[in-house]
Every structure is written in structure tokens, then in C-alpha cells.
Amino acid sequence: MDGHAADLGNLVGRGLVAVCEGPNRWGRVDVTPTGRTTWNRTRLTVYPPGTNAAERRALQLHRNWPVAGAVVALFVMLALSSWPPLAAAAVAVSVYGAGLMTAQALTRRIRPQVRRLVVVTVPIGGRIESLGDIGSFTAAIDRLHALDELRRRGAITPAEHEAGWAEIYSALPPRA
């Protein structure tokens, strides 16, 4: 295999991992605009250190199934368009429900261990204010991204990366 094909293969492989397991080994950062208003919620989700690829895939399935499952159910209904409508709908709802139950079962042990930190930005008196522990939030994100960069460059080992991740995880409050 020539260099370009190998580069393309690596790029596709990394993309597939990001889709199936999420963007980072340690968790994710989600920014959720809240409708037409000017405020939004930014959530840092940090998985417990040692979370493996299968657990990350299960957490990603749990996170994405409500929307992805609706799309799958729609395609099931389209595929069964020759069936009686109630039967097609029953199968589609069953597929959706099976996906929800599967995602719940696969993540039952790990979900309670996941830690989150949320910051909300909201306009107050003509300026934008941040609500939440912005200092801890920013420090955690900056440190996690720095660890990722050091690991990517080979400046730290995977064990050192996970040790830094564990420090950040331990500093976050457990779920209530």
C-alpha cells in the first residue's frame, strides 16, 4: 500500500473511531444552544479513567440513540411500506425501544460513574455572563486538551495521559 492510501486509511479509521466512540478517550464537550435565545449550555463530560473502547461505544450509542433510533425507525417504516400501517409502526417502535433498552443495559454500570460539569452563558444587563464553576470548567478542558496534544506528539505515554485524566476526573464532583 502506498503512502497516500495508508494516510487515507488512517484518516478513515480515526473518523470511524470518532463517530463510534466519541471525539476523545476521556469524554466530550457539548455546546447546546437553547433555542432562539442568546444563551447556551456547555457541558464537559469526563468518563472514568480506564474506560475502554467498548464502553465508549456504548456511551456514544446511549447518547445518540434517541435521534439516530428515530431515523432508523423511520427507515424501518419505509422498508415495510407494503405492510399494514399499524404492523409497520409496531415494528418500528419495537426497533426503537430495543435500541433504547440495549443502550441502557450496556451503560448501566458506567453511566453513574461519568462526571459532568456544566456552564451556562446568558445575557444579563447587556453583557454575557457565565453561570457555573467557570474556573474549574476552563481548567479541566484546557488540561484535557493539553494532555491530548502531548499524547498525540508522543511527549507522554498512554499511562501518563490516563494519570492526568484521572486527576481531572477526581477533581470533578460525582453525580448527584
C-alpha atoms as a PDB file:
ATOM      1  CA  MET A   1       0.000   0.000   0.000  1.00  0.00           C
ATOM      2  CA  ASP A   2       1.442   3.379  -0.962  1.00  0.00           C
ATOM      3  CA  GLY A   3       1.730   6.305   1.457  1.00  0.00           C
ATOM      4  CA  HIS A   4      -1.370   8.148   0.237  1.00  0.00           C
ATOM      5  CA  ALA A   5      -3.598   5.098   0.571  1.00  0.00           C
ATOM      6  CA  ALA A   6      -2.206   4.427   4.047  1.00  0.00           C
ATOM      7  CA  ASP A   7      -2.847   8.073   5.052  1.00  0.00           C
ATOM      8  CA  LEU A   8      -6.398   7.840   3.725  1.00  0.00           C
ATOM      9  CA  GLY A   9      -6.929   4.572   5.574  1.00  0.00           C
ATOM     10  CA  ASN A  10      -5.663   6.113   8.822  1.00  0.00           C
ATOM     11  CA  LEU A  11      -7.901   9.153   8.342  1.00  0.00           C
ATOM     12  CA  VAL A  12     -10.974   6.994   7.692  1.00  0.00           C
ATOM     13  CA  GLY A  13     -10.106   4.786  10.677  1.00  0.00           C
ATOM     14  CA  ARG A  14      -9.739   7.781  13.016  1.00  0.00           C
ATOM     15  CA  GLY A  15     -13.003   9.222  11.695  1.00  0.00           C
ATOM     16  CA  LEU A  16     -14.833   5.959  12.276  1.00  0.00           C
ATOM     17  CA  VAL A  17     -13.469   5.747  15.818  1.00  0.00           C
ATOM     18  CA  ALA A  18     -14.566   9.345  16.492  1.00  0.00           C
ATOM     19  CA  VAL A  19     -18.092   8.585  15.266  1.00  0.00           C
ATOM     20  CA  CYS A  20     -18.419   5.289  17.147  1.00  0.00           C
ATOM     21  CA  GLU A  21     -16.528   6.143  20.349  1.00  0.00           C
ATOM     22  CA  GLY A  22     -16.741   9.923  20.552  1.00  0.00           C
ATOM     23  CA  PRO A  23     -14.144  12.584  19.898  1.00  0.00           C
ATOM     24  CA  ASN A  24     -11.891  11.902  22.910  1.00  0.00           C
ATOM     25  CA  ARG A  25     -10.909   8.916  25.034  1.00  0.00           C
ATOM     26  CA  TRP A  26     -11.681  10.907  28.196  1.00  0.00           C
ATOM     27  CA  GLY A  27     -15.151  12.142  27.192  1.00  0.00           C
ATOM     28  CA  ARG A  28     -16.566  15.116  25.338  1.00  0.00           C
ATOM     29  CA  VAL A  29     -17.502  18.784  25.360  1.00  0.00           C
ATOM     30  CA  ASP A  30     -21.002  19.632  24.119  1.00  0.00           C
ATOM     31  CA  VAL A  31     -22.305  23.120  23.417  1.00  0.00           C
ATOM     32  CA  THR A  32     -26.075  23.246  23.303  1.00  0.00           C
ATOM     33  CA  PRO A  33     -27.709  26.408  22.039  1.00  0.00           C
ATOM     34  CA  THR A  34     -31.042  26.740  23.773  1.00  0.00           C
ATOM     35  CA  GLY A  35     -33.449  27.748  21.059  1.00  0.00           C
ATOM     36  CA  ARG A  36     -33.630  31.223  19.626  1.00  0.00           C
ATOM     37  CA  THR A  37     -32.264  32.914  22.709  1.00  0.00           C
ATOM     38  CA  THR A  38     -28.697  34.075  23.097  1.00  0.00           C
ATOM     39  CA  TRP A  39     -27.854  31.739  25.961  1.00  0.00           C
ATOM     40  CA  ASN A  40     -26.339  28.288  25.726  1.00  0.00           C
ATOM     41  CA  ARG A  41     -25.174  25.389  27.835  1.00  0.00           C
ATOM     42  CA  THR A  42     -21.689  23.922  27.582  1.00  0.00           C
ATOM     43  CA  ARG A  43     -21.234  20.537  29.217  1.00  0.00           C
ATOM     44  CA  LEU A  44     -17.953  18.774  29.943  1.00  0.00           C
ATOM     45  CA  THR A  45     -18.445  15.020  30.260  1.00  0.00           C
ATOM     46  CA  VAL A  46     -15.492  13.051  31.641  1.00  0.00           C
ATOM     47  CA  TYR A  47     -15.526   9.265  31.623  1.00  0.00           C
ATOM     48  CA  PRO A  48     -13.897   7.339  34.451  1.00  0.00           C
ATOM     49  CA  PRO A  49     -10.221   6.664  33.732  1.00  0.00           C
ATOM     50  CA  GLY A  50      -9.761   3.240  32.199  1.00  0.00           C
ATOM     51  CA  THR A  51     -12.953   3.483  30.131  1.00  0.00           C
ATOM     52  CA  ASN A  52     -12.321   1.113  27.242  1.00  0.00           C
ATOM     53  CA  ALA A  53     -13.378   1.347  23.598  1.00  0.00           C
ATOM     54  CA  ALA A  54     -16.451  -0.877  24.057  1.00  0.00           C
ATOM     55  CA  GLU A  55     -17.661   1.286  26.949  1.00  0.00           C
ATOM     56  CA  ARG A  56     -17.088   4.464  24.918  1.00  0.00           C
ATOM     57  CA  ARG A  57     -19.081   2.964  22.024  1.00  0.00           C
ATOM     58  CA  ALA A  58     -21.901   2.036  24.407  1.00  0.00           C
ATOM     59  CA  LEU A  59     -21.928   5.536  25.934  1.00  0.00           C
ATOM     60  CA  GLN A  60     -21.983   7.029  22.442  1.00  0.00           C
ATOM     61  CA  LEU A  61     -24.892   4.752  21.491  1.00  0.00           C
ATOM     62  CA  HIS A  62     -26.745   5.786  24.653  1.00  0.00           C
ATOM     63  CA  ARG A  63     -26.155   9.454  23.872  1.00  0.00           C
ATOM     64  CA  ASN A  64     -27.081   9.278  20.177  1.00  0.00           C
ATOM     65  CA  TRP A  65     -29.835   6.639  20.034  1.00  0.00           C
ATOM     66  CA  PRO A  66     -32.801   8.950  20.733  1.00  0.00           C
ATOM     67  CA  VAL A  67     -32.175  10.765  17.425  1.00  0.00           C
ATOM     68  CA  ALA A  68     -30.394   8.010  15.494  1.00  0.00           C
ATOM     69  CA  GLY A  69     -33.010   5.487  16.583  1.00  0.00           C
ATOM     70  CA  ALA A  70     -35.795   7.730  15.301  1.00  0.00           C
ATOM     71  CA  VAL A  71     -34.066   7.821  11.915  1.00  0.00           C
ATOM     72  CA  VAL A  72     -33.628   4.035  11.973  1.00  0.00           C
ATOM     73  CA  ALA A  73     -37.299   3.611  12.894  1.00  0.00           C
ATOM     74  CA  LEU A  74     -38.301   5.865  10.014  1.00  0.00           C
ATOM     75  CA  PHE A  75     -36.265   3.760   7.587  1.00  0.00           C
ATOM     76  CA  VAL A  76     -37.827   0.606   9.028  1.00  0.00           C
ATOM     77  CA  MET A  77     -41.280   2.061   8.353  1.00  0.00           C
ATOM     78  CA  LEU A  78     -40.239   2.972   4.806  1.00  0.00           C
ATOM     79  CA  ALA A  79     -38.834  -0.508   4.216  1.00  0.00           C
ATOM     80  CA  LEU A  80     -42.078  -2.019   5.473  1.00  0.00           C
ATOM     81  CA  SER A  81     -44.315   0.296   3.449  1.00  0.00           C
ATOM     82  CA  SER A  82     -46.051  -2.688   1.843  1.00  0.00           C
ATOM     83  CA  TRP A  83     -47.130  -3.921   5.293  1.00  0.00           C
ATOM     84  CA  PRO A  84     -50.288  -2.765   7.050  1.00  0.00           C
ATOM     85  CA  PRO A  85     -49.503   0.638   8.653  1.00  0.00           C
ATOM     86  CA  LEU A  86     -50.071  -0.494  12.245  1.00  0.00           C
ATOM     87  CA  ALA A  87     -47.804  -3.520  11.795  1.00  0.00           C
ATOM     88  CA  ALA A  88     -45.027  -1.387  10.243  1.00  0.00           C
ATOM     89  CA  ALA A  89     -45.388   1.163  13.041  1.00  0.00           C
ATOM     90  CA  ALA A  90     -45.279  -1.602  15.679  1.00  0.00           C
ATOM     91  CA  VAL A  91     -42.049  -2.995  14.217  1.00  0.00           C
ATOM     92  CA  ALA A  92     -40.506   0.496  14.002  1.00  0.00           C
ATOM     93  CA  VAL A  93     -41.444   1.284  17.616  1.00  0.00           C
ATOM     94  CA  SER A  94     -40.085  -2.113  18.672  1.00  0.00           C
ATOM     95  CA  VAL A  95     -36.768  -1.434  16.935  1.00  0.00           C
ATOM     96  CA  TYR A  96     -36.563   1.982  18.595  1.00  0.00           C
ATOM     97  CA  GLY A  97     -37.438   0.551  22.005  1.00  0.00           C
ATOM     98  CA  ALA A  98     -34.962  -2.303  21.617  1.00  0.00           C
ATOM     99  CA  GLY A  99     -32.244   0.230  20.863  1.00  0.00           C
ATOM    100  CA  LEU A 100     -33.120   2.256  23.963  1.00  0.00           C
ATOM    101  CA  MET A 101     -33.132  -0.837  26.180  1.00  0.00           C
ATOM    102  CA  THR A 102     -29.862  -2.067  24.693  1.00  0.00           C
ATOM    103  CA  ALA A 103     -28.166   1.293  25.232  1.00  0.00           C
ATOM    104  CA  GLN A 104     -29.459   1.430  28.816  1.00  0.00           C
ATOM    105  CA  ALA A 105     -28.291  -2.108  29.565  1.00  0.00           C
ATOM    106  CA  LEU A 106     -24.847  -1.618  28.012  1.00  0.00           C
ATOM    107  CA  THR A 107     -24.195   1.534  30.020  1.00  0.00           C
ATOM    108  CA  ARG A 108     -25.870   0.616  33.309  1.00  0.00           C
ATOM    109  CA  ARG A 109     -22.565   0.192  35.161  1.00  0.00           C
ATOM    110  CA  ILE A 110     -20.559   3.031  33.625  1.00  0.00           C
ATOM    111  CA  ARG A 111     -23.173   5.795  33.307  1.00  0.00           C
ATOM    112  CA  PRO A 112     -23.349   6.555  37.065  1.00  0.00           C
ATOM    113  CA  GLN A 113     -19.560   6.951  37.144  1.00  0.00           C
ATOM    114  CA  VAL A 114     -19.451   9.581  34.390  1.00  0.00           C
ATOM    115  CA  ARG A 115     -18.806  13.080  35.735  1.00  0.00           C
ATOM    116  CA  ARG A 116     -20.155  16.288  34.262  1.00  0.00           C
ATOM    117  CA  LEU A 117     -19.543  19.966  34.711  1.00  0.00           C
ATOM    118  CA  VAL A 118     -21.935  22.468  33.137  1.00  0.00           C
ATOM    119  CA  VAL A 119     -21.522  26.166  32.415  1.00  0.00           C
ATOM    120  CA  VAL A 120     -24.370  28.297  31.082  1.00  0.00           C
ATOM    121  CA  THR A 121     -23.819  31.605  29.310  1.00  0.00           C
ATOM    122  CA  VAL A 122     -26.702  34.033  29.458  1.00  0.00           C
ATOM    123  CA  PRO A 123     -27.180  37.704  28.557  1.00  0.00           C
ATOM    124  CA  ILE A 124     -27.641  39.828  31.669  1.00  0.00           C
ATOM    125  CA  GLY A 125     -27.847  43.591  31.534  1.00  0.00           C
ATOM    126  CA  GLY A 126     -26.439  43.880  28.034  1.00  0.00           C
ATOM    127  CA  ARG A 127     -23.425  41.616  28.608  1.00  0.00           C
ATOM    128  CA  ILE A 128     -22.857  37.876  28.585  1.00  0.00           C
ATOM    129  CA  GLU A 129     -22.451  36.207  31.984  1.00  0.00           C
ATOM    130  CA  SER A 130     -21.273  32.686  32.681  1.00  0.00           C
ATOM    131  CA  LEU A 131     -23.047  30.718  35.377  1.00  0.00           C
ATOM    132  CA  GLY A 132     -21.387  27.726  36.954  1.00  0.00           C
ATOM    133  CA  ASP A 133     -17.861  26.900  38.024  1.00  0.00           C
ATOM    134  CA  ILE A 134     -16.192  28.525  35.018  1.00  0.00           C
ATOM    135  CA  GLY A 135     -12.706  28.317  36.564  1.00  0.00           C
ATOM    136  CA  SER A 136     -12.839  24.557  37.102  1.00  0.00           C
ATOM    137  CA  PHE A 137     -14.565  24.091  33.762  1.00  0.00           C
ATOM    138  CA  THR A 138     -11.939  26.014  31.796  1.00  0.00           C
ATOM    139  CA  ALA A 139      -9.021  24.490  33.699  1.00  0.00           C
ATOM    140  CA  ALA A 140     -10.318  20.949  33.123  1.00  0.00           C
ATOM    141  CA  ILE A 141     -10.888  21.455  29.397  1.00  0.00           C
ATOM    142  CA  ASP A 142      -7.530  23.162  28.909  1.00  0.00           C
ATOM    143  CA  ARG A 143      -5.703  20.394  30.789  1.00  0.00           C
ATOM    144  CA  LEU A 144      -7.511  17.607  28.912  1.00  0.00           C
ATOM    145  CA  HIS A 145      -6.728  19.173  25.543  1.00  0.00           C
ATOM    146  CA  ALA A 146      -3.101  19.716  26.596  1.00  0.00           C
ATOM    147  CA  LEU A 147      -2.844  16.049  27.611  1.00  0.00           C
ATOM    148  CA  ASP A 148      -4.302  15.013  24.251  1.00  0.00           C
ATOM    149  CA  GLU A 149      -1.778  17.156  22.398  1.00  0.00           C
ATOM    150  CA  LEU A 150       1.142  15.807  24.424  1.00  0.00           C
ATOM    151  CA  ARG A 151       0.000  12.245  23.760  1.00  0.00           C
ATOM    152  CA  ARG A 152      -0.503  12.942  20.046  1.00  0.00           C
ATOM    153  CA  ARG A 153       3.062  14.276  19.808  1.00  0.00           C
ATOM    154  CA  GLY A 154       4.416  11.297  21.763  1.00  0.00           C
ATOM    155  CA  ALA A 155       5.650  13.533  24.604  1.00  0.00           C
ATOM    156  CA  ILE A 156       3.802  11.429  27.189  1.00  0.00           C
ATOM    157  CA  THR A 157       2.904   7.772  27.383  1.00  0.00           C
ATOM    158  CA  PRO A 158      -0.680   6.488  27.351  1.00  0.00           C
ATOM    159  CA  ALA A 159      -0.284   5.751  31.090  1.00  0.00           C
ATOM    160  CA  GLU A 160       0.800   9.348  31.770  1.00  0.00           C
ATOM    161  CA  HIS A 161      -2.143  10.594  29.703  1.00  0.00           C
ATOM    162  CA  GLU A 162      -4.539   8.467  31.748  1.00  0.00           C
ATOM    163  CA  ALA A 163      -2.943   9.607  35.026  1.00  0.00           C
ATOM    164  CA  GLY A 164      -3.588  13.246  34.068  1.00  0.00           C
ATOM    165  CA  TRP A 165      -7.128  12.349  33.014  1.00  0.00           C
ATOM    166  CA  ALA A 166      -7.612  10.628  36.417  1.00  0.00           C
ATOM    167  CA  GLU A 167      -6.552  13.803  38.255  1.00  0.00           C
ATOM    168  CA  ILE A 168      -9.111  15.857  36.358  1.00  0.00           C
ATOM    169  CA  TYR A 169     -11.818  13.223  36.833  1.00  0.00           C
ATOM    170  CA  SER A 170     -11.142  13.118  40.592  1.00  0.00           C
ATOM    171  CA  ALA A 171     -11.413  16.913  40.852  1.00  0.00           C
ATOM    172  CA  LEU A 172     -14.911  16.912  39.309  1.00  0.00           C
ATOM    173  CA  PRO A 173     -17.912  16.413  41.586  1.00  0.00           C
ATOM    174  CA  PRO A 174     -19.568  12.990  41.455  1.00  0.00           C
ATOM    175  CA  ARG A 175     -23.078  12.800  40.035  1.00  0.00           C
ATOM    176  CA  ALA A 176     -25.833  13.620  42.497  1.00  0.00           C
END
